[in-house]
Amino acid sequence: MRVIEITEFGPPEVLKLAKRPTPEPGRLEVLVKVDAAGVNRPDVLQRLGKYPPPPGVTDIPGLEIAGTIVALGAGVFGWREGDEVCALVAGGGYAEYCLVPAPQCLMRPSSLTAIEAAAVPEAFFTVWHNVVERGRLARGETLLVHGGSGGIGTTAIQLGKALGARVVVTAGTDERCRACEALGADLAVNHAEGAWDDAIRAAIGPHAVDVVLDMVGGGYTQRNLDLLAVEGRLVQIAFLQASRVEVDLMQVMRQRLTITGSTLRARSPEEKGAIARALHAEVWPLLEAGTVKPRVHAVFPLARAADAHRLMESRGHLGKIVLDVTAQ
């Protein structure tokens, strides 16, 4: 099968097309013939040597796929050869075939193409688990999303609105802010213009945010806490700045704040399967109805994975970047 290998740690040029044997599914695994694979920032970090795959996971990058099940491992029930699925994986997405723990598969929504379906798992698993299950976002509350124009951000806007929340976002340009508002954001603030937190206070009042979804960390952390309402929740999912910060814990005590966060890649198939079941019950009907939909910014053939990474690192995308694995 054709795959993309990380030949050494470094710039996008280290991503090279190669051939490897097609794997065979083990117990409780399925083999998926991949039509499309999503490109995510953790893929970039893995290429740079900063985010190694968990023990036992392939070194081929790629955390989400869409395709067709072509073989079943022992003990797999509920799936058949020929089922069209999308799936969250711990690695191996940049390839023509990918092994997937069966609990992490979801039937591809009939409303989505394979390209669109490949843009679903990473963002929707992440947003659902962190905003809803950990952040406990409720109808009528206010959600603040940093990086509103990326894959996570565009998903969080749509899910937040579908759940009945007010959604506030930050983005890096006026164009991206307008794109976020077009997706449903109630307020979009250009963080490049200065004090984004002051702009949010001026628009919605002090301590008016119930949940913050943050992937920046560093200097954003205390500013996020300062915006939270009583019983507010700060949910951390990445660190574009720094993971080590100084905060005022007295404020956390006084306002009964919660600071939480998570990663998904190293979690067990059982844990990811539980998130998949929740998505199937609560979010798949929204996808089928077209109430929410992944926004795909650009599609590259598998052989041009390096170009996809260049676009990801430029931060010039609005939504998701996808590899078309079927394209030659």
C-alpha atoms as a PDB file:
ATOM      1  CA  MET A   1       0.000   0.000   0.000  1.00  0.00           C
ATOM      2  CA  ARG A   2       1.043   3.612  -0.487  1.00  0.00           C
ATOM      3  CA  VAL A   3       1.801   5.474   2.736  1.00  0.00           C
ATOM      4  CA  ILE A   4       3.355   8.729   3.864  1.00  0.00           C
ATOM      5  CA  GLU A   5       6.441   8.253   6.009  1.00  0.00           C
ATOM      6  CA  ILE A   6       8.213  10.732   8.266  1.00  0.00           C
ATOM      7  CA  THR A   7      11.740  10.050   7.012  1.00  0.00           C
ATOM      8  CA  GLU A   8      13.310  12.219   9.714  1.00  0.00           C
ATOM      9  CA  PHE A   9      12.092  14.936  12.061  1.00  0.00           C
ATOM     10  CA  GLY A  10      11.968  18.311  10.385  1.00  0.00           C
ATOM     11  CA  PRO A  11      10.125  20.522   7.866  1.00  0.00           C
ATOM     12  CA  PRO A  12       7.291  19.346   5.600  1.00  0.00           C
ATOM     13  CA  GLU A  13       9.787  18.021   3.043  1.00  0.00           C
ATOM     14  CA  VAL A  14      10.526  15.042   5.310  1.00  0.00           C
ATOM     15  CA  LEU A  15       7.082  13.616   4.441  1.00  0.00           C
ATOM     16  CA  LYS A  16       7.692  11.107   1.635  1.00  0.00           C
ATOM     17  CA  LEU A  17       5.498   8.706  -0.310  1.00  0.00           C
ATOM     18  CA  ALA A  18       6.529   5.082   0.296  1.00  0.00           C
ATOM     19  CA  LYS A  19       5.270   1.508   0.021  1.00  0.00           C
ATOM     20  CA  ARG A  20       4.566  -0.774   2.967  1.00  0.00           C
ATOM     21  CA  PRO A  21       2.813  -4.129   3.373  1.00  0.00           C
ATOM     22  CA  THR A  22      -0.934  -3.919   3.846  1.00  0.00           C
ATOM     23  CA  PRO A  23      -1.647  -4.775   7.505  1.00  0.00           C
ATOM     24  CA  GLU A  24      -4.020  -7.470   8.718  1.00  0.00           C
ATOM     25  CA  PRO A  25      -6.572  -6.749  11.455  1.00  0.00           C
ATOM     26  CA  GLY A  26      -5.972  -8.190  14.891  1.00  0.00           C
ATOM     27  CA  ARG A  27      -8.525  -9.025  17.516  1.00  0.00           C
ATOM     28  CA  LEU A  28     -11.282  -6.387  17.793  1.00  0.00           C
ATOM     29  CA  GLU A  29      -9.816  -4.465  14.841  1.00  0.00           C
ATOM     30  CA  VAL A  30     -11.116  -3.745  11.356  1.00  0.00           C
ATOM     31  CA  LEU A  31      -9.117  -2.952   8.240  1.00  0.00           C
ATOM     32  CA  VAL A  32     -10.368   0.119   6.388  1.00  0.00           C
ATOM     33  CA  LYS A  33      -9.558   0.946   2.769  1.00  0.00           C
ATOM     34  CA  VAL A  34      -8.991   4.679   3.185  1.00  0.00           C
ATOM     35  CA  ASP A  35     -10.662   7.184   0.878  1.00  0.00           C
ATOM     36  CA  ALA A  36      -9.613  10.312   2.761  1.00  0.00           C
ATOM     37  CA  ALA A  37      -7.650  11.320   5.852  1.00  0.00           C
ATOM     38  CA  GLY A  38      -7.853  14.477   7.932  1.00  0.00           C
ATOM     39  CA  VAL A  39      -4.771  16.592   8.604  1.00  0.00           C
ATOM     40  CA  ASN A  40      -4.369  17.894  12.142  1.00  0.00           C
ATOM     41  CA  ARG A  41      -1.882  19.923  14.145  1.00  0.00           C
ATOM     42  CA  PRO A  42      -0.748  16.851  16.136  1.00  0.00           C
ATOM     43  CA  ASP A  43       0.436  15.415  12.794  1.00  0.00           C
ATOM     44  CA  VAL A  44       2.694  18.452  12.427  1.00  0.00           C
ATOM     45  CA  LEU A  45       3.991  17.995  15.967  1.00  0.00           C
ATOM     46  CA  GLN A  46       4.718  14.325  15.266  1.00  0.00           C
ATOM     47  CA  ARG A  47       6.638  15.326  12.126  1.00  0.00           C
ATOM     48  CA  LEU A  48       8.705  17.709  14.240  1.00  0.00           C
ATOM     49  CA  GLY A  49       9.480  15.009  16.795  1.00  0.00           C
ATOM     50  CA  LYS A  50       7.390  16.636  19.506  1.00  0.00           C
ATOM     51  CA  TYR A  51       4.432  14.210  19.662  1.00  0.00           C
ATOM     52  CA  PRO A  52       5.482  10.563  19.295  1.00  0.00           C
ATOM     53  CA  PRO A  53       2.823   7.898  18.726  1.00  0.00           C
ATOM     54  CA  PRO A  54       1.843   5.852  21.792  1.00  0.00           C
ATOM     55  CA  PRO A  55       3.655   2.542  22.334  1.00  0.00           C
ATOM     56  CA  GLY A  56       2.591  -0.070  19.805  1.00  0.00           C
ATOM     57  CA  VAL A  57       1.068   2.442  17.377  1.00  0.00           C
ATOM     58  CA  THR A  58       2.357   2.773  13.808  1.00  0.00           C
ATOM     59  CA  ASP A  59       4.721   5.634  12.977  1.00  0.00           C
ATOM     60  CA  ILE A  60       2.577   6.541   9.958  1.00  0.00           C
ATOM     61  CA  PRO A  61       0.874   9.871  10.791  1.00  0.00           C
ATOM     62  CA  GLY A  62      -2.841  10.561  10.556  1.00  0.00           C
ATOM     63  CA  LEU A  63      -5.490  10.564  13.283  1.00  0.00           C
ATOM     64  CA  GLU A  64      -8.775  10.396  11.347  1.00  0.00           C
ATOM     65  CA  ILE A  65     -10.013   8.622   8.252  1.00  0.00           C
ATOM     66  CA  ALA A  66     -13.042   7.809   6.129  1.00  0.00           C
ATOM     67  CA  GLY A  67     -13.311   4.718   3.984  1.00  0.00           C
ATOM     68  CA  THR A  68     -14.709   1.207   3.618  1.00  0.00           C
ATOM     69  CA  ILE A  69     -14.235  -1.794   5.897  1.00  0.00           C
ATOM     70  CA  VAL A  70     -12.571  -4.582   3.896  1.00  0.00           C
ATOM     71  CA  ALA A  71     -11.658  -7.083   6.623  1.00  0.00           C
ATOM     72  CA  LEU A  72     -12.716  -7.923  10.182  1.00  0.00           C
ATOM     73  CA  GLY A  73     -10.490  -9.159  12.973  1.00  0.00           C
ATOM     74  CA  ALA A  74     -11.498 -11.817  15.475  1.00  0.00           C
ATOM     75  CA  GLY A  75     -14.188 -10.826  17.936  1.00  0.00           C
ATOM     76  CA  VAL A  76     -15.594  -7.935  15.884  1.00  0.00           C
ATOM     77  CA  PHE A  77     -19.385  -7.698  15.949  1.00  0.00           C
ATOM     78  CA  GLY A  78     -21.732  -5.078  14.560  1.00  0.00           C
ATOM     79  CA  TRP A  79     -19.629  -4.302  11.471  1.00  0.00           C
ATOM     80  CA  ARG A  80     -19.526  -5.924   8.039  1.00  0.00           C
ATOM     81  CA  GLU A  81     -17.200  -5.801   5.077  1.00  0.00           C
ATOM     82  CA  GLY A  82     -18.439  -3.035   2.799  1.00  0.00           C
ATOM     83  CA  ASP A  83     -19.599  -0.710   5.593  1.00  0.00           C
ATOM     84  CA  GLU A  84     -18.648   2.899   4.893  1.00  0.00           C
ATOM     85  CA  VAL A  85     -17.209   4.403   8.053  1.00  0.00           C
ATOM     86  CA  CYS A  86     -15.233   7.239   9.515  1.00  0.00           C
ATOM     87  CA  ALA A  87     -12.979   6.692  12.484  1.00  0.00           C
ATOM     88  CA  LEU A  88     -10.644   8.213  15.025  1.00  0.00           C
ATOM     89  CA  VAL A  89      -7.265   6.440  15.044  1.00  0.00           C
ATOM     90  CA  ALA A  90      -4.063   6.796  17.056  1.00  0.00           C
ATOM     91  CA  GLY A  91      -2.010   6.775  13.850  1.00  0.00           C
ATOM     92  CA  GLY A  92      -1.844   5.334  10.358  1.00  0.00           C
ATOM     93  CA  GLY A  93      -4.312   7.590   8.557  1.00  0.00           C
ATOM     94  CA  TYR A  94      -1.916   8.743   5.821  1.00  0.00           C
ATOM     95  CA  ALA A  95      -2.137   5.403   3.995  1.00  0.00           C
ATOM     96  CA  GLU A  96      -4.297   3.440   1.586  1.00  0.00           C
ATOM     97  CA  TYR A  97      -5.275   0.985   4.340  1.00  0.00           C
ATOM     98  CA  CYS A  98      -5.587   1.629   8.074  1.00  0.00           C
ATOM     99  CA  LEU A  99      -6.171  -0.593  11.097  1.00  0.00           C
ATOM    100  CA  VAL A 100      -8.904   0.715  13.404  1.00  0.00           C
ATOM    101  CA  PRO A 101     -10.118  -0.561  16.789  1.00  0.00           C
ATOM    102  CA  ALA A 102     -13.723  -1.452  16.026  1.00  0.00           C
ATOM    103  CA  PRO A 103     -15.229   0.633  18.869  1.00  0.00           C
ATOM    104  CA  GLN A 104     -13.739   3.782  17.313  1.00  0.00           C
ATOM    105  CA  CYS A 105     -15.621   3.407  14.028  1.00  0.00           C
ATOM    106  CA  LEU A 106     -18.783   5.289  13.185  1.00  0.00           C
ATOM    107  CA  MET A 107     -20.996   4.758  10.152  1.00  0.00           C
ATOM    108  CA  ARG A 108     -20.360   7.537   7.658  1.00  0.00           C
ATOM    109  CA  PRO A 109     -23.286   9.988   7.737  1.00  0.00           C
ATOM    110  CA  SER A 110     -25.256   9.685   4.505  1.00  0.00           C
ATOM    111  CA  SER A 111     -25.231  13.470   4.144  1.00  0.00           C
ATOM    112  CA  LEU A 112     -21.420  13.616   3.883  1.00  0.00           C
ATOM    113  CA  THR A 113     -18.919  12.731   1.186  1.00  0.00           C
ATOM    114  CA  ALA A 114     -15.865  10.701   2.137  1.00  0.00           C
ATOM    115  CA  ILE A 115     -13.784  13.896   2.084  1.00  0.00           C
ATOM    116  CA  GLU A 116     -16.203  15.594   4.491  1.00  0.00           C
ATOM    117  CA  ALA A 117     -16.477  12.513   6.709  1.00  0.00           C
ATOM    118  CA  ALA A 118     -12.683  12.384   7.097  1.00  0.00           C
ATOM    119  CA  ALA A 119     -12.869  15.878   8.579  1.00  0.00           C
ATOM    120  CA  VAL A 120     -15.252  14.771  11.337  1.00  0.00           C
ATOM    121  CA  PRO A 121     -13.648  12.402  13.898  1.00  0.00           C
ATOM    122  CA  GLU A 122     -10.744  14.343  15.440  1.00  0.00           C
ATOM    123  CA  ALA A 123     -12.645  17.613  15.801  1.00  0.00           C
ATOM    124  CA  PHE A 124     -15.993  16.159  16.837  1.00  0.00           C
ATOM    125  CA  PHE A 125     -14.528  13.651  19.319  1.00  0.00           C
ATOM    126  CA  THR A 126     -12.405  16.455  20.807  1.00  0.00           C
ATOM    127  CA  VAL A 127     -15.141  19.075  21.018  1.00  0.00           C
ATOM    128  CA  TRP A 128     -17.838  16.737  22.311  1.00  0.00           C
ATOM    129  CA  HIS A 129     -15.653  15.221  25.020  1.00  0.00           C
ATOM    130  CA  ASN A 130     -14.130  18.497  26.163  1.00  0.00           C
ATOM    131  CA  VAL A 131     -16.940  21.015  25.762  1.00  0.00           C
ATOM    132  CA  VAL A 132     -19.900  18.792  26.644  1.00  0.00           C
ATOM    133  CA  GLU A 133     -18.621  15.910  28.763  1.00  0.00           C
ATOM    134  CA  ARG A 134     -15.843  17.745  30.632  1.00  0.00           C
ATOM    135  CA  GLY A 135     -16.979  21.371  30.251  1.00  0.00           C
ATOM    136  CA  ARG A 136     -20.668  20.525  30.877  1.00  0.00           C
ATOM    137  CA  LEU A 137     -21.871  23.240  28.506  1.00  0.00           C
ATOM    138  CA  ALA A 138     -25.595  23.783  29.005  1.00  0.00           C
ATOM    139  CA  ARG A 139     -28.305  25.554  27.035  1.00  0.00           C
ATOM    140  CA  GLY A 140     -28.258  29.298  27.639  1.00  0.00           C
ATOM    141  CA  GLU A 141     -24.613  29.382  28.737  1.00  0.00           C
ATOM    142  CA  THR A 142     -21.769  31.230  27.012  1.00  0.00           C
ATOM    143  CA  LEU A 143     -18.905  29.347  25.363  1.00  0.00           C
ATOM    144  CA  LEU A 144     -15.621  31.074  24.477  1.00  0.00           C
ATOM    145  CA  VAL A 145     -13.558  29.316  21.801  1.00  0.00           C
ATOM    146  CA  HIS A 146     -10.016  30.350  20.939  1.00  0.00           C
ATOM    147  CA  GLY A 147      -8.905  29.625  17.382  1.00  0.00           C
ATOM    148  CA  GLY A 148     -12.437  29.823  16.098  1.00  0.00           C
ATOM    149  CA  SER A 149     -11.511  29.473  12.419  1.00  0.00           C
ATOM    150  CA  GLY A 150      -9.651  26.155  12.652  1.00  0.00           C
ATOM    151  CA  GLY A 151     -11.039  22.649  12.521  1.00  0.00           C
ATOM    152  CA  ILE A 152     -11.717  22.495  16.267  1.00  0.00           C
ATOM    153  CA  GLY A 153     -13.070  26.040  16.332  1.00  0.00           C
ATOM    154  CA  THR A 154     -15.495  25.696  13.429  1.00  0.00           C
ATOM    155  CA  THR A 155     -16.797  22.479  14.991  1.00  0.00           C
ATOM    156  CA  ALA A 156     -17.162  24.069  18.439  1.00  0.00           C
ATOM    157  CA  ILE A 157     -19.118  27.001  16.993  1.00  0.00           C
ATOM    158  CA  GLN A 158     -21.634  24.743  15.310  1.00  0.00           C
ATOM    159  CA  LEU A 159     -22.038  22.295  18.187  1.00  0.00           C
ATOM    160  CA  GLY A 160     -22.270  25.107  20.723  1.00  0.00           C
ATOM    161  CA  LYS A 161     -25.066  26.777  18.788  1.00  0.00           C
ATOM    162  CA  ALA A 162     -26.851  23.446  18.231  1.00  0.00           C
ATOM    163  CA  LEU A 163     -26.785  22.934  22.005  1.00  0.00           C
ATOM    164  CA  GLY A 164     -28.384  26.328  22.596  1.00  0.00           C
ATOM    165  CA  ALA A 165     -25.329  28.224  23.845  1.00  0.00           C
ATOM    166  CA  ARG A 166     -24.079  31.710  23.045  1.00  0.00           C
ATOM    167  CA  VAL A 167     -20.728  31.313  21.282  1.00  0.00           C
ATOM    168  CA  VAL A 168     -17.888  33.840  21.412  1.00  0.00           C
ATOM    169  CA  VAL A 169     -14.661  33.218  19.491  1.00  0.00           C
ATOM    170  CA  THR A 170     -11.256  34.718  18.876  1.00  0.00           C
ATOM    171  CA  ALA A 171      -9.507  34.554  15.508  1.00  0.00           C
ATOM    172  CA  GLY A 172      -6.453  36.154  13.938  1.00  0.00           C
ATOM    173  CA  THR A 173      -7.906  38.296  11.137  1.00  0.00           C
ATOM    174  CA  ASP A 174     -11.081  40.203  10.374  1.00  0.00           C
ATOM    175  CA  GLU A 175     -11.762  37.770   7.505  1.00  0.00           C
ATOM    176  CA  ARG A 176     -11.597  34.790   9.856  1.00  0.00           C
ATOM    177  CA  CYS A 177     -13.828  36.577  12.350  1.00  0.00           C
ATOM    178  CA  ARG A 178     -16.454  37.127   9.667  1.00  0.00           C
ATOM    179  CA  ALA A 179     -16.193  33.462   8.642  1.00  0.00           C
ATOM    180  CA  CYS A 180     -16.810  32.434  12.269  1.00  0.00           C
ATOM    181  CA  GLU A 181     -19.867  34.663  12.446  1.00  0.00           C
ATOM    182  CA  ALA A 182     -21.153  33.161   9.200  1.00  0.00           C
ATOM    183  CA  LEU A 183     -20.967  29.742  10.883  1.00  0.00           C
ATOM    184  CA  GLY A 184     -23.076  31.027  13.775  1.00  0.00           C
ATOM    185  CA  ALA A 185     -20.728  32.685  16.277  1.00  0.00           C
ATOM    186  CA  ASP A 186     -22.523  35.437  18.188  1.00  0.00           C
ATOM    187  CA  LEU A 187     -19.310  37.433  18.584  1.00  0.00           C
ATOM    188  CA  ALA A 188     -15.893  37.113  16.930  1.00  0.00           C
ATOM    189  CA  VAL A 189     -12.923  39.119  18.219  1.00  0.00           C
ATOM    190  CA  ASN A 190      -9.701  39.664  16.271  1.00  0.00           C
ATOM    191  CA  HIS A 191      -6.997  38.792  18.808  1.00  0.00           C
ATOM    192  CA  ALA A 192      -4.328  40.384  16.610  1.00  0.00           C
ATOM    193  CA  GLU A 193      -5.786  43.830  17.281  1.00  0.00           C
ATOM    194  CA  GLY A 194      -4.952  43.855  20.976  1.00  0.00           C
ATOM    195  CA  ALA A 195      -6.738  43.025  24.213  1.00  0.00           C
ATOM    196  CA  TRP A 196      -9.238  40.397  23.106  1.00  0.00           C
ATOM    197  CA  ASP A 197     -10.381  39.895  26.698  1.00  0.00           C
ATOM    198  CA  ASP A 198     -11.261  43.578  27.098  1.00  0.00           C
ATOM    199  CA  ALA A 199     -13.219  43.455  23.842  1.00  0.00           C
ATOM    200  CA  ILE A 200     -15.201  40.470  25.128  1.00  0.00           C
ATOM    201  CA  ARG A 201     -15.934  42.210  28.438  1.00  0.00           C
ATOM    202  CA  ALA A 202     -17.102  45.312  26.608  1.00  0.00           C
ATOM    203  CA  ALA A 203     -19.445  43.249  24.443  1.00  0.00           C
ATOM    204  CA  ILE A 204     -20.985  40.801  26.928  1.00  0.00           C
ATOM    205  CA  GLY A 205     -19.981  42.079  30.375  1.00  0.00           C
ATOM    206  CA  PRO A 206     -17.477  40.955  33.026  1.00  0.00           C
ATOM    207  CA  HIS A 207     -17.430  37.338  34.220  1.00  0.00           C
ATOM    208  CA  ALA A 208     -20.010  36.356  31.585  1.00  0.00           C
ATOM    209  CA  VAL A 209     -18.298  33.269  30.124  1.00  0.00           C
ATOM    210  CA  ASP A 210     -19.303  29.844  31.425  1.00  0.00           C
ATOM    211  CA  VAL A 211     -16.931  27.592  29.449  1.00  0.00           C
ATOM    212  CA  VAL A 212     -13.615  28.379  27.741  1.00  0.00           C
ATOM    213  CA  LEU A 213     -12.160  25.972  25.173  1.00  0.00           C
ATOM    214  CA  ASP A 214      -8.482  26.922  24.939  1.00  0.00           C
ATOM    215  CA  MET A 215      -5.578  25.599  22.889  1.00  0.00           C
ATOM    216  CA  VAL A 216      -3.147  28.437  23.613  1.00  0.00           C
ATOM    217  CA  GLY A 217      -2.234  28.309  27.301  1.00  0.00           C
ATOM    218  CA  GLY A 218       0.624  30.573  28.395  1.00  0.00           C
ATOM    219  CA  GLY A 219      -0.477  34.176  28.763  1.00  0.00           C
ATOM    220  CA  TYR A 220      -4.056  33.305  27.886  1.00  0.00           C
ATOM    221  CA  THR A 221      -4.622  31.242  31.016  1.00  0.00           C
ATOM    222  CA  GLN A 222      -5.141  33.945  33.639  1.00  0.00           C
ATOM    223  CA  ARG A 223      -7.078  36.070  31.158  1.00  0.00           C
ATOM    224  CA  ASN A 224      -9.406  33.125  30.531  1.00  0.00           C
ATOM    225  CA  LEU A 225      -9.952  32.683  34.273  1.00  0.00           C
ATOM    226  CA  ASP A 226     -10.681  36.397  34.649  1.00  0.00           C
ATOM    227  CA  LEU A 227     -13.545  36.114  32.129  1.00  0.00           C
ATOM    228  CA  LEU A 228     -15.239  33.142  33.776  1.00  0.00           C
ATOM    229  CA  ALA A 229     -18.516  33.385  35.643  1.00  0.00           C
ATOM    230  CA  VAL A 230     -19.090  31.783  39.030  1.00  0.00           C
ATOM    231  CA  GLU A 231     -18.866  27.983  38.533  1.00  0.00           C
ATOM    232  CA  GLY A 232     -17.109  28.604  35.208  1.00  0.00           C
ATOM    233  CA  ARG A 233     -14.992  25.932  33.506  1.00  0.00           C
ATOM    234  CA  LEU A 234     -11.673  26.323  31.689  1.00  0.00           C
ATOM    235  CA  VAL A 235     -10.994  23.370  29.375  1.00  0.00           C
ATOM    236  CA  GLN A 236      -7.435  23.056  28.018  1.00  0.00           C
ATOM    237  CA  ILE A 237      -6.776  20.921  24.921  1.00  0.00           C
ATOM    238  CA  ALA A 238      -3.396  22.172  23.618  1.00  0.00           C
ATOM    239  CA  PHE A 239      -0.620  24.728  24.196  1.00  0.00           C
ATOM    240  CA  LEU A 240       0.395  26.999  21.337  1.00  0.00           C
ATOM    241  CA  GLN A 241       2.236  29.091  23.930  1.00  0.00           C
ATOM    242  CA  ALA A 242       3.191  27.262  27.141  1.00  0.00           C
ATOM    243  CA  SER A 243       1.878  24.569  29.467  1.00  0.00           C
ATOM    244  CA  ARG A 244       3.565  26.001  32.571  1.00  0.00           C
ATOM    245  CA  VAL A 245       1.765  29.091  33.869  1.00  0.00           C
ATOM    246  CA  GLU A 246       1.182  31.051  37.065  1.00  0.00           C
ATOM    247  CA  VAL A 247      -2.433  31.591  38.112  1.00  0.00           C
ATOM    248  CA  ASP A 248      -4.286  33.015  41.087  1.00  0.00           C
ATOM    249  CA  LEU A 249      -5.828  30.009  42.814  1.00  0.00           C
ATOM    250  CA  MET A 250      -7.675  32.262  45.258  1.00  0.00           C
ATOM    251  CA  GLN A 251      -9.804  33.362  42.313  1.00  0.00           C
ATOM    252  CA  VAL A 252     -10.491  29.702  41.505  1.00  0.00           C
ATOM    253  CA  MET A 253     -11.666  29.171  45.079  1.00  0.00           C
ATOM    254  CA  ARG A 254     -13.759  32.335  45.333  1.00  0.00           C
ATOM    255  CA  GLN A 255     -15.634  31.704  42.091  1.00  0.00           C
ATOM    256  CA  ARG A 256     -15.673  27.899  42.397  1.00  0.00           C
ATOM    257  CA  LEU A 257     -13.979  27.523  39.022  1.00  0.00           C
ATOM    258  CA  THR A 258     -12.992  24.256  37.369  1.00  0.00           C
ATOM    259  CA  ILE A 259      -9.777  23.823  35.382  1.00  0.00           C
ATOM    260  CA  THR A 260      -9.755  20.636  33.322  1.00  0.00           C
ATOM    261  CA  GLY A 261      -8.553  19.270  30.009  1.00  0.00           C
ATOM    262  CA  SER A 262      -7.720  16.086  28.169  1.00  0.00           C
ATOM    263  CA  THR A 263      -5.860  14.362  25.375  1.00  0.00           C
ATOM    264  CA  LEU A 264      -7.347  11.594  23.228  1.00  0.00           C
ATOM    265  CA  ARG A 265      -4.543   9.857  21.340  1.00  0.00           C
ATOM    266  CA  ALA A 266      -3.314   7.581  24.121  1.00  0.00           C
ATOM    267  CA  ARG A 267      -6.766   6.784  25.522  1.00  0.00           C
ATOM    268  CA  SER A 268      -7.978   3.192  25.301  1.00  0.00           C
ATOM    269  CA  PRO A 269     -10.313   1.970  22.542  1.00  0.00           C
ATOM    270  CA  GLU A 270     -12.957   1.448  25.217  1.00  0.00           C
ATOM    271  CA  GLU A 271     -12.763   5.095  26.295  1.00  0.00           C
ATOM    272  CA  LYS A 272     -12.816   6.347  22.723  1.00  0.00           C
ATOM    273  CA  GLY A 273     -15.644   3.942  21.970  1.00  0.00           C
ATOM    274  CA  ALA A 274     -17.733   5.515  24.724  1.00  0.00           C
ATOM    275  CA  ILE A 275     -17.247   8.934  23.102  1.00  0.00           C
ATOM    276  CA  ALA A 276     -18.130   7.416  19.720  1.00  0.00           C
ATOM    277  CA  ARG A 277     -21.402   6.060  21.114  1.00  0.00           C
ATOM    278  CA  ALA A 278     -22.291   9.461  22.550  1.00  0.00           C
ATOM    279  CA  LEU A 279     -21.553  11.110  19.208  1.00  0.00           C
ATOM    280  CA  HIS A 280     -23.705   8.574  17.393  1.00  0.00           C
ATOM    281  CA  ALA A 281     -26.608   9.256  19.728  1.00  0.00           C
ATOM    282  CA  GLU A 282     -26.346  13.030  20.060  1.00  0.00           C
ATOM    283  CA  VAL A 283     -24.387  14.444  17.109  1.00  0.00           C
ATOM    284  CA  TRP A 284     -24.933  12.056  14.207  1.00  0.00           C
ATOM    285  CA  PRO A 285     -28.593  13.140  13.873  1.00  0.00           C
ATOM    286  CA  LEU A 286     -27.351  16.745  13.569  1.00  0.00           C
ATOM    287  CA  LEU A 287     -24.891  15.725  10.847  1.00  0.00           C
ATOM    288  CA  GLU A 288     -27.531  13.710   8.995  1.00  0.00           C
ATOM    289  CA  ALA A 289     -29.906  16.684   9.110  1.00  0.00           C
ATOM    290  CA  GLY A 290     -27.229  19.134   7.991  1.00  0.00           C
ATOM    291  CA  THR A 291     -27.582  21.160  11.202  1.00  0.00           C
ATOM    292  CA  VAL A 292     -23.825  20.860  11.679  1.00  0.00           C
ATOM    293  CA  LYS A 293     -21.277  20.065   8.985  1.00  0.00           C
ATOM    294  CA  PRO A 294     -17.484  19.950   8.824  1.00  0.00           C
ATOM    295  CA  ARG A 295     -16.004  22.875   6.945  1.00  0.00           C
ATOM    296  CA  VAL A 296     -13.329  21.646   4.519  1.00  0.00           C
ATOM    297  CA  HIS A 297     -10.910  24.361   3.440  1.00  0.00           C
ATOM    298  CA  ALA A 298      -8.563  22.424   1.152  1.00  0.00           C
ATOM    299  CA  VAL A 299      -8.013  18.920  -0.251  1.00  0.00           C
ATOM    300  CA  PHE A 300      -4.628  17.518  -1.341  1.00  0.00           C
ATOM    301  CA  PRO A 301      -3.745  14.142  -2.863  1.00  0.00           C
ATOM    302  CA  LEU A 302      -1.859  11.815  -0.518  1.00  0.00           C
ATOM    303  CA  ALA A 303       1.422  12.418  -2.363  1.00  0.00           C
ATOM    304  CA  ARG A 304       1.183  16.124  -1.506  1.00  0.00           C
ATOM    305  CA  ALA A 305       0.970  15.661   2.250  1.00  0.00           C
ATOM    306  CA  ALA A 306       3.900  18.072   2.606  1.00  0.00           C
ATOM    307  CA  ASP A 307       1.847  20.829   0.955  1.00  0.00           C
ATOM    308  CA  ALA A 308      -1.020  20.093   3.346  1.00  0.00           C
ATOM    309  CA  HIS A 309       1.365  20.518   6.277  1.00  0.00           C
ATOM    310  CA  ARG A 310       2.676  23.786   4.874  1.00  0.00           C
ATOM    311  CA  LEU A 311      -0.861  25.123   4.751  1.00  0.00           C
ATOM    312  CA  MET A 312      -1.534  23.897   8.292  1.00  0.00           C
ATOM    313  CA  GLU A 313       1.581  25.657   9.593  1.00  0.00           C
ATOM    314  CA  SER A 314       0.762  28.878   7.737  1.00  0.00           C
ATOM    315  CA  ARG A 315      -2.525  29.081   9.661  1.00  0.00           C
ATOM    316  CA  GLY A 316      -4.104  30.285   6.447  1.00  0.00           C
ATOM    317  CA  HIS A 317      -6.941  27.782   6.521  1.00  0.00           C
ATOM    318  CA  LEU A 318     -10.565  28.243   7.560  1.00  0.00           C
ATOM    319  CA  GLY A 319     -11.701  24.833   8.723  1.00  0.00           C
ATOM    320  CA  LYS A 320     -10.194  21.435   7.929  1.00  0.00           C
ATOM    321  CA  ILE A 321      -7.467  20.206   5.589  1.00  0.00           C
ATOM    322  CA  VAL A 322      -7.996  16.744   4.080  1.00  0.00           C
ATOM    323  CA  LEU A 323      -5.890  14.279   2.056  1.00  0.00           C
ATOM    324  CA  ASP A 324      -7.656  12.499  -0.826  1.00  0.00           C
ATOM    325  CA  VAL A 325      -6.038   9.089  -0.600  1.00  0.00           C
ATOM    326  CA  THR A 326      -7.721   7.836  -3.785  1.00  0.00           C
ATOM    327  CA  ALA A 327      -6.127  10.560  -5.934  1.00  0.00           C
ATOM    328  CA  GLN A 328      -2.937   9.603  -7.778  1.00  0.00           C
END
